[in-house]
Amino acid sequence: MAKVHPLPPVVPKVSSKRESFTIWMKSLVMQANGCTVYNENGEIVYRVDNYEKKGSNEVYIMDLRGKVLYTILRRVWFLGRWEGYKGDSSSLNKEKPKFKVTKKGHVNAEAGCYTLEALAGKSAFKIIDCRGGVVAEARRKKSSSRVVLGEDVLSLVVEPHVDHSLMMALVTVYGLMHYRL
């Protein structure tokens, strides 16, 4: 008889070195919008699923096991404000948001303040902290032979000592702001 062992709990991933991720702007769930995030070894590390329509009011960021790490809600639609909550939507009434993002890309988070800044091209952007340092940057992915892939495949570089799940939440909000998710 096979033995069943529980998986270890998922904790926020922070690395002491710069890490790269590949973001494919496609959901693993049929008939859903979202994206799939792979680490440098080609393993799926995050899923972002939007079960309604592109630009919907509620989006989930999950780990590989399907545990909801963040729920992102659009608040005050005409003002363009998003809020991110830790965990699934069952805990939304019990806690305040972990971050808020305005339409201009300003982020107020428990972990600090950030700005989402567009770069050249539709998909390229960077996340800047309060001190003006770049903590993450997304660009169109290039293959090993330097061929630029489609606009739905991005390379995300996250600097050391930055919470990867928070950066994925901010990448998700950027995608929602530009109707990519």
C-alpha atoms as a PDB file:
ATOM      1  CA  MET A   1       0.000   0.000   0.000  1.00  0.00           C
ATOM      2  CA  ALA A   2       1.317   3.463  -0.915  1.00  0.00           C
ATOM      3  CA  LYS A   3       2.025   6.000   1.813  1.00  0.00           C
ATOM      4  CA  VAL A   4       0.634   9.497   1.544  1.00  0.00           C
ATOM      5  CA  HIS A   5       2.775  12.348   2.815  1.00  0.00           C
ATOM      6  CA  PRO A   6       1.444  15.882   3.162  1.00  0.00           C
ATOM      7  CA  LEU A   7       3.154  18.596   1.178  1.00  0.00           C
ATOM      8  CA  PRO A   8       5.124  21.155   3.160  1.00  0.00           C
ATOM      9  CA  PRO A   9       3.406  24.522   3.694  1.00  0.00           C
ATOM     10  CA  VAL A  10       4.090  27.244   1.161  1.00  0.00           C
ATOM     11  CA  VAL A  11       5.909  30.292   2.529  1.00  0.00           C
ATOM     12  CA  PRO A  12       6.611  33.555   0.708  1.00  0.00           C
ATOM     13  CA  LYS A  13       9.611  33.064  -1.534  1.00  0.00           C
ATOM     14  CA  VAL A  14      12.413  35.550  -1.089  1.00  0.00           C
ATOM     15  CA  SER A  15      15.819  34.804  -2.543  1.00  0.00           C
ATOM     16  CA  SER A  16      19.260  36.186  -1.797  1.00  0.00           C
ATOM     17  CA  LYS A  17      20.010  36.242  -5.531  1.00  0.00           C
ATOM     18  CA  ARG A  18      18.375  37.713  -8.628  1.00  0.00           C
ATOM     19  CA  GLU A  19      15.861  35.296 -10.136  1.00  0.00           C
ATOM     20  CA  SER A  20      14.248  35.079 -13.550  1.00  0.00           C
ATOM     21  CA  PHE A  21      10.774  33.835 -14.375  1.00  0.00           C
ATOM     22  CA  THR A  22       8.924  33.210 -17.613  1.00  0.00           C
ATOM     23  CA  ILE A  23       5.345  34.469 -17.730  1.00  0.00           C
ATOM     24  CA  TRP A  24       3.079  32.939 -20.353  1.00  0.00           C
ATOM     25  CA  MET A  25      -0.079  35.028 -20.624  1.00  0.00           C
ATOM     26  CA  LYS A  26      -2.309  31.946 -20.865  1.00  0.00           C
ATOM     27  CA  SER A  27      -4.289  30.226 -18.135  1.00  0.00           C
ATOM     28  CA  LEU A  28      -3.897  26.522 -17.436  1.00  0.00           C
ATOM     29  CA  VAL A  29      -7.678  26.363 -16.991  1.00  0.00           C
ATOM     30  CA  MET A  30      -9.729  26.085 -20.164  1.00  0.00           C
ATOM     31  CA  GLN A  31     -12.164  28.938 -20.735  1.00  0.00           C
ATOM     32  CA  ALA A  32     -10.358  31.148 -18.215  1.00  0.00           C
ATOM     33  CA  ASN A  33      -8.079  34.146 -18.593  1.00  0.00           C
ATOM     34  CA  GLY A  34      -4.842  34.392 -16.684  1.00  0.00           C
ATOM     35  CA  CYS A  35      -1.198  33.461 -16.905  1.00  0.00           C
ATOM     36  CA  THR A  36       1.248  30.761 -15.897  1.00  0.00           C
ATOM     37  CA  VAL A  37       4.634  31.518 -14.341  1.00  0.00           C
ATOM     38  CA  TYR A  38       7.668  29.246 -14.683  1.00  0.00           C
ATOM     39  CA  ASN A  39      10.955  29.387 -12.781  1.00  0.00           C
ATOM     40  CA  GLU A  40      14.423  29.107 -14.337  1.00  0.00           C
ATOM     41  CA  ASN A  41      14.132  25.279 -14.305  1.00  0.00           C
ATOM     42  CA  GLY A  42      10.907  25.328 -16.323  1.00  0.00           C
ATOM     43  CA  GLU A  43       8.738  24.372 -13.337  1.00  0.00           C
ATOM     44  CA  ILE A  44       5.376  26.035 -12.784  1.00  0.00           C
ATOM     45  CA  VAL A  45       5.564  28.192  -9.655  1.00  0.00           C
ATOM     46  CA  TYR A  46       2.492  30.462  -9.937  1.00  0.00           C
ATOM     47  CA  ARG A  47      -0.862  30.454 -11.683  1.00  0.00           C
ATOM     48  CA  VAL A  48      -3.048  33.480 -12.146  1.00  0.00           C
ATOM     49  CA  ASP A  49      -6.663  32.727 -12.936  1.00  0.00           C
ATOM     50  CA  ASN A  50      -9.500  35.015 -13.859  1.00  0.00           C
ATOM     51  CA  TYR A  51     -12.637  32.933 -14.234  1.00  0.00           C
ATOM     52  CA  GLU A  52     -14.807  35.682 -15.684  1.00  0.00           C
ATOM     53  CA  LYS A  53     -13.765  37.934 -18.549  1.00  0.00           C
ATOM     54  CA  LYS A  54     -10.620  39.889 -19.274  1.00  0.00           C
ATOM     55  CA  GLY A  55     -10.300  42.800 -16.913  1.00  0.00           C
ATOM     56  CA  SER A  56     -12.696  41.247 -14.406  1.00  0.00           C
ATOM     57  CA  ASN A  57     -13.182  42.444 -10.859  1.00  0.00           C
ATOM     58  CA  GLU A  58     -11.690  39.411  -9.069  1.00  0.00           C
ATOM     59  CA  VAL A  59      -8.489  37.528  -9.916  1.00  0.00           C
ATOM     60  CA  TYR A  60      -6.592  34.835  -7.975  1.00  0.00           C
ATOM     61  CA  ILE A  61      -2.851  34.260  -7.718  1.00  0.00           C
ATOM     62  CA  MET A  62      -2.090  30.671  -6.750  1.00  0.00           C
ATOM     63  CA  ASP A  63       0.942  28.516  -6.194  1.00  0.00           C
ATOM     64  CA  LEU A  64       1.436  25.276  -8.116  1.00  0.00           C
ATOM     65  CA  ARG A  65      -0.724  23.367  -5.633  1.00  0.00           C
ATOM     66  CA  GLY A  66      -3.680  25.714  -6.167  1.00  0.00           C
ATOM     67  CA  LYS A  67      -3.373  27.517  -2.826  1.00  0.00           C
ATOM     68  CA  VAL A  68      -4.601  31.099  -3.264  1.00  0.00           C
ATOM     69  CA  LEU A  69      -1.786  33.460  -2.273  1.00  0.00           C
ATOM     70  CA  TYR A  70      -3.527  36.714  -3.217  1.00  0.00           C
ATOM     71  CA  THR A  71      -6.996  37.749  -4.256  1.00  0.00           C
ATOM     72  CA  ILE A  72      -7.016  40.937  -6.311  1.00  0.00           C
ATOM     73  CA  LEU A  73     -10.188  42.987  -6.472  1.00  0.00           C
ATOM     74  CA  ARG A  74     -10.991  45.985  -8.604  1.00  0.00           C
ATOM     75  CA  ARG A  75     -12.469  48.714  -6.456  1.00  0.00           C
ATOM     76  CA  VAL A  76     -14.099  51.915  -7.664  1.00  0.00           C
ATOM     77  CA  TRP A  77     -13.965  50.898 -11.330  1.00  0.00           C
ATOM     78  CA  PHE A  78     -14.080  54.398 -12.827  1.00  0.00           C
ATOM     79  CA  LEU A  79     -11.163  55.533 -10.642  1.00  0.00           C
ATOM     80  CA  GLY A  80      -9.124  52.455 -11.536  1.00  0.00           C
ATOM     81  CA  ARG A  81      -8.110  51.168  -8.119  1.00  0.00           C
ATOM     82  CA  TRP A  82      -7.128  47.603  -7.252  1.00  0.00           C
ATOM     83  CA  GLU A  83      -6.653  45.992  -3.840  1.00  0.00           C
ATOM     84  CA  GLY A  84      -4.712  42.833  -3.021  1.00  0.00           C
ATOM     85  CA  TYR A  85      -5.626  40.563  -0.114  1.00  0.00           C
ATOM     86  CA  LYS A  86      -3.611  37.642   1.241  1.00  0.00           C
ATOM     87  CA  GLY A  87      -5.374  34.339   0.694  1.00  0.00           C
ATOM     88  CA  ASP A  88      -8.743  33.561  -0.842  1.00  0.00           C
ATOM     89  CA  SER A  89     -11.903  35.634  -0.871  1.00  0.00           C
ATOM     90  CA  SER A  90     -13.249  34.050   2.348  1.00  0.00           C
ATOM     91  CA  SER A  91     -10.879  36.213   4.400  1.00  0.00           C
ATOM     92  CA  LEU A  92     -11.641  39.528   2.657  1.00  0.00           C
ATOM     93  CA  ASN A  93     -14.050  40.830   5.284  1.00  0.00           C
ATOM     94  CA  LYS A  94     -11.672  40.034   8.127  1.00  0.00           C
ATOM     95  CA  GLU A  95      -8.563  41.930   7.070  1.00  0.00           C
ATOM     96  CA  LYS A  96      -7.413  45.073   5.380  1.00  0.00           C
ATOM     97  CA  PRO A  97      -5.742  44.865   1.953  1.00  0.00           C
ATOM     98  CA  LYS A  98      -2.027  44.051   1.788  1.00  0.00           C
ATOM     99  CA  PHE A  99      -1.652  46.560  -1.054  1.00  0.00           C
ATOM    100  CA  LYS A 100      -3.590  49.130  -3.077  1.00  0.00           C
ATOM    101  CA  VAL A 101      -2.784  50.210  -6.627  1.00  0.00           C
ATOM    102  CA  THR A 102      -4.067  53.378  -8.293  1.00  0.00           C
ATOM    103  CA  LYS A 103      -4.711  53.823 -12.002  1.00  0.00           C
ATOM    104  CA  LYS A 104      -1.456  55.784 -12.284  1.00  0.00           C
ATOM    105  CA  GLY A 105       0.481  52.726 -11.082  1.00  0.00           C
ATOM    106  CA  HIS A 106       1.251  53.879  -7.542  1.00  0.00           C
ATOM    107  CA  VAL A 107       1.296  51.055  -5.009  1.00  0.00           C
ATOM    108  CA  ASN A 108       0.884  51.342  -1.252  1.00  0.00           C
ATOM    109  CA  ALA A 109       1.730  48.059   0.423  1.00  0.00           C
ATOM    110  CA  GLU A 110       2.470  46.822   3.916  1.00  0.00           C
ATOM    111  CA  ALA A 111       5.925  45.939   2.639  1.00  0.00           C
ATOM    112  CA  GLY A 112       6.527  49.440   1.227  1.00  0.00           C
ATOM    113  CA  CYS A 113       5.537  51.591  -1.710  1.00  0.00           C
ATOM    114  CA  TYR A 114       6.132  50.842  -5.379  1.00  0.00           C
ATOM    115  CA  THR A 115       5.440  52.322  -8.784  1.00  0.00           C
ATOM    116  CA  LEU A 116       4.534  50.369 -11.922  1.00  0.00           C
ATOM    117  CA  GLU A 117       6.264  52.092 -14.823  1.00  0.00           C
ATOM    118  CA  ALA A 118       5.736  51.225 -18.490  1.00  0.00           C
ATOM    119  CA  LEU A 119       8.772  50.827 -20.736  1.00  0.00           C
ATOM    120  CA  ALA A 120       9.016  50.778 -24.541  1.00  0.00           C
ATOM    121  CA  GLY A 121       6.570  48.299 -26.028  1.00  0.00           C
ATOM    122  CA  LYS A 122       3.195  47.032 -24.867  1.00  0.00           C
ATOM    123  CA  SER A 123       4.478  44.383 -22.479  1.00  0.00           C
ATOM    124  CA  ALA A 124       7.610  45.886 -20.954  1.00  0.00           C
ATOM    125  CA  PHE A 125       7.434  47.496 -17.510  1.00  0.00           C
ATOM    126  CA  LYS A 126       9.314  47.749 -14.255  1.00  0.00           C
ATOM    127  CA  ILE A 127       8.436  47.875 -10.589  1.00  0.00           C
ATOM    128  CA  ILE A 128      10.268  50.585  -8.665  1.00  0.00           C
ATOM    129  CA  ASP A 129      10.473  50.860  -4.871  1.00  0.00           C
ATOM    130  CA  CYS A 130      10.140  54.045  -2.758  1.00  0.00           C
ATOM    131  CA  ARG A 131      13.864  54.747  -2.978  1.00  0.00           C
ATOM    132  CA  GLY A 132      13.817  54.660  -6.782  1.00  0.00           C
ATOM    133  CA  GLY A 133      15.412  51.217  -7.138  1.00  0.00           C
ATOM    134  CA  VAL A 134      14.125  48.717  -9.678  1.00  0.00           C
ATOM    135  CA  VAL A 135      12.939  45.583  -7.821  1.00  0.00           C
ATOM    136  CA  ALA A 136      11.471  43.741 -10.828  1.00  0.00           C
ATOM    137  CA  GLU A 137      11.434  44.184 -14.582  1.00  0.00           C
ATOM    138  CA  ALA A 138       9.386  42.478 -17.282  1.00  0.00           C
ATOM    139  CA  ARG A 139      10.234  42.386 -20.985  1.00  0.00           C
ATOM    140  CA  ARG A 140       9.313  40.237 -23.945  1.00  0.00           C
ATOM    141  CA  LYS A 141      11.128  36.925 -23.669  1.00  0.00           C
ATOM    142  CA  LYS A 142      13.950  36.029 -26.030  1.00  0.00           C
ATOM    143  CA  SER A 143      14.835  32.452 -26.892  1.00  0.00           C
ATOM    144  CA  SER A 144      18.347  31.104 -26.381  1.00  0.00           C
ATOM    145  CA  SER A 145      19.036  31.973 -30.042  1.00  0.00           C
ATOM    146  CA  ARG A 146      17.979  35.603 -29.324  1.00  0.00           C
ATOM    147  CA  VAL A 147      14.657  35.380 -31.187  1.00  0.00           C
ATOM    148  CA  VAL A 148      12.020  37.629 -29.580  1.00  0.00           C
ATOM    149  CA  LEU A 149       8.952  35.566 -28.670  1.00  0.00           C
ATOM    150  CA  GLY A 150       5.339  36.720 -28.921  1.00  0.00           C
ATOM    151  CA  GLU A 151       3.831  39.483 -26.809  1.00  0.00           C
ATOM    152  CA  ASP A 152       2.206  36.852 -24.584  1.00  0.00           C
ATOM    153  CA  VAL A 153       5.553  35.513 -23.304  1.00  0.00           C
ATOM    154  CA  LEU A 154       7.461  37.697 -20.849  1.00  0.00           C
ATOM    155  CA  SER A 155      10.682  37.401 -18.907  1.00  0.00           C
ATOM    156  CA  LEU A 156      10.453  38.744 -15.346  1.00  0.00           C
ATOM    157  CA  VAL A 157      13.630  39.443 -13.389  1.00  0.00           C
ATOM    158  CA  VAL A 158      13.177  39.899  -9.632  1.00  0.00           C
ATOM    159  CA  GLU A 159      15.965  41.415  -7.564  1.00  0.00           C
ATOM    160  CA  PRO A 160      17.273  39.763  -4.351  1.00  0.00           C
ATOM    161  CA  HIS A 161      15.361  40.043  -1.056  1.00  0.00           C
ATOM    162  CA  VAL A 162      12.016  40.816  -2.744  1.00  0.00           C
ATOM    163  CA  ASP A 163       8.852  38.772  -2.098  1.00  0.00           C
ATOM    164  CA  HIS A 164       8.154  36.913  -5.358  1.00  0.00           C
ATOM    165  CA  SER A 165       4.443  36.456  -4.669  1.00  0.00           C
ATOM    166  CA  LEU A 166       3.996  40.202  -4.077  1.00  0.00           C
ATOM    167  CA  MET A 167       5.817  40.934  -7.348  1.00  0.00           C
ATOM    168  CA  MET A 168       3.514  38.458  -9.135  1.00  0.00           C
ATOM    169  CA  ALA A 169       0.519  40.227  -7.603  1.00  0.00           C
ATOM    170  CA  LEU A 170       1.796  43.566  -8.946  1.00  0.00           C
ATOM    171  CA  VAL A 171       2.509  42.011 -12.368  1.00  0.00           C
ATOM    172  CA  THR A 172      -1.080  40.755 -12.328  1.00  0.00           C
ATOM    173  CA  VAL A 173      -2.442  44.212 -11.539  1.00  0.00           C
ATOM    174  CA  TYR A 174      -0.356  45.638 -14.390  1.00  0.00           C
ATOM    175  CA  GLY A 175      -1.917  43.041 -16.697  1.00  0.00           C
ATOM    176  CA  LEU A 176      -5.401  43.965 -15.450  1.00  0.00           C
ATOM    177  CA  MET A 177      -4.703  47.673 -15.946  1.00  0.00           C
ATOM    178  CA  HIS A 178      -3.821  46.987 -19.580  1.00  0.00           C
ATOM    179  CA  TYR A 179      -6.595  44.409 -20.181  1.00  0.00           C
ATOM    180  CA  ARG A 180      -4.153  41.541 -20.701  1.00  0.00           C
ATOM    181  CA  LEU A 181      -5.698  39.263 -18.045  1.00  0.00           C
END
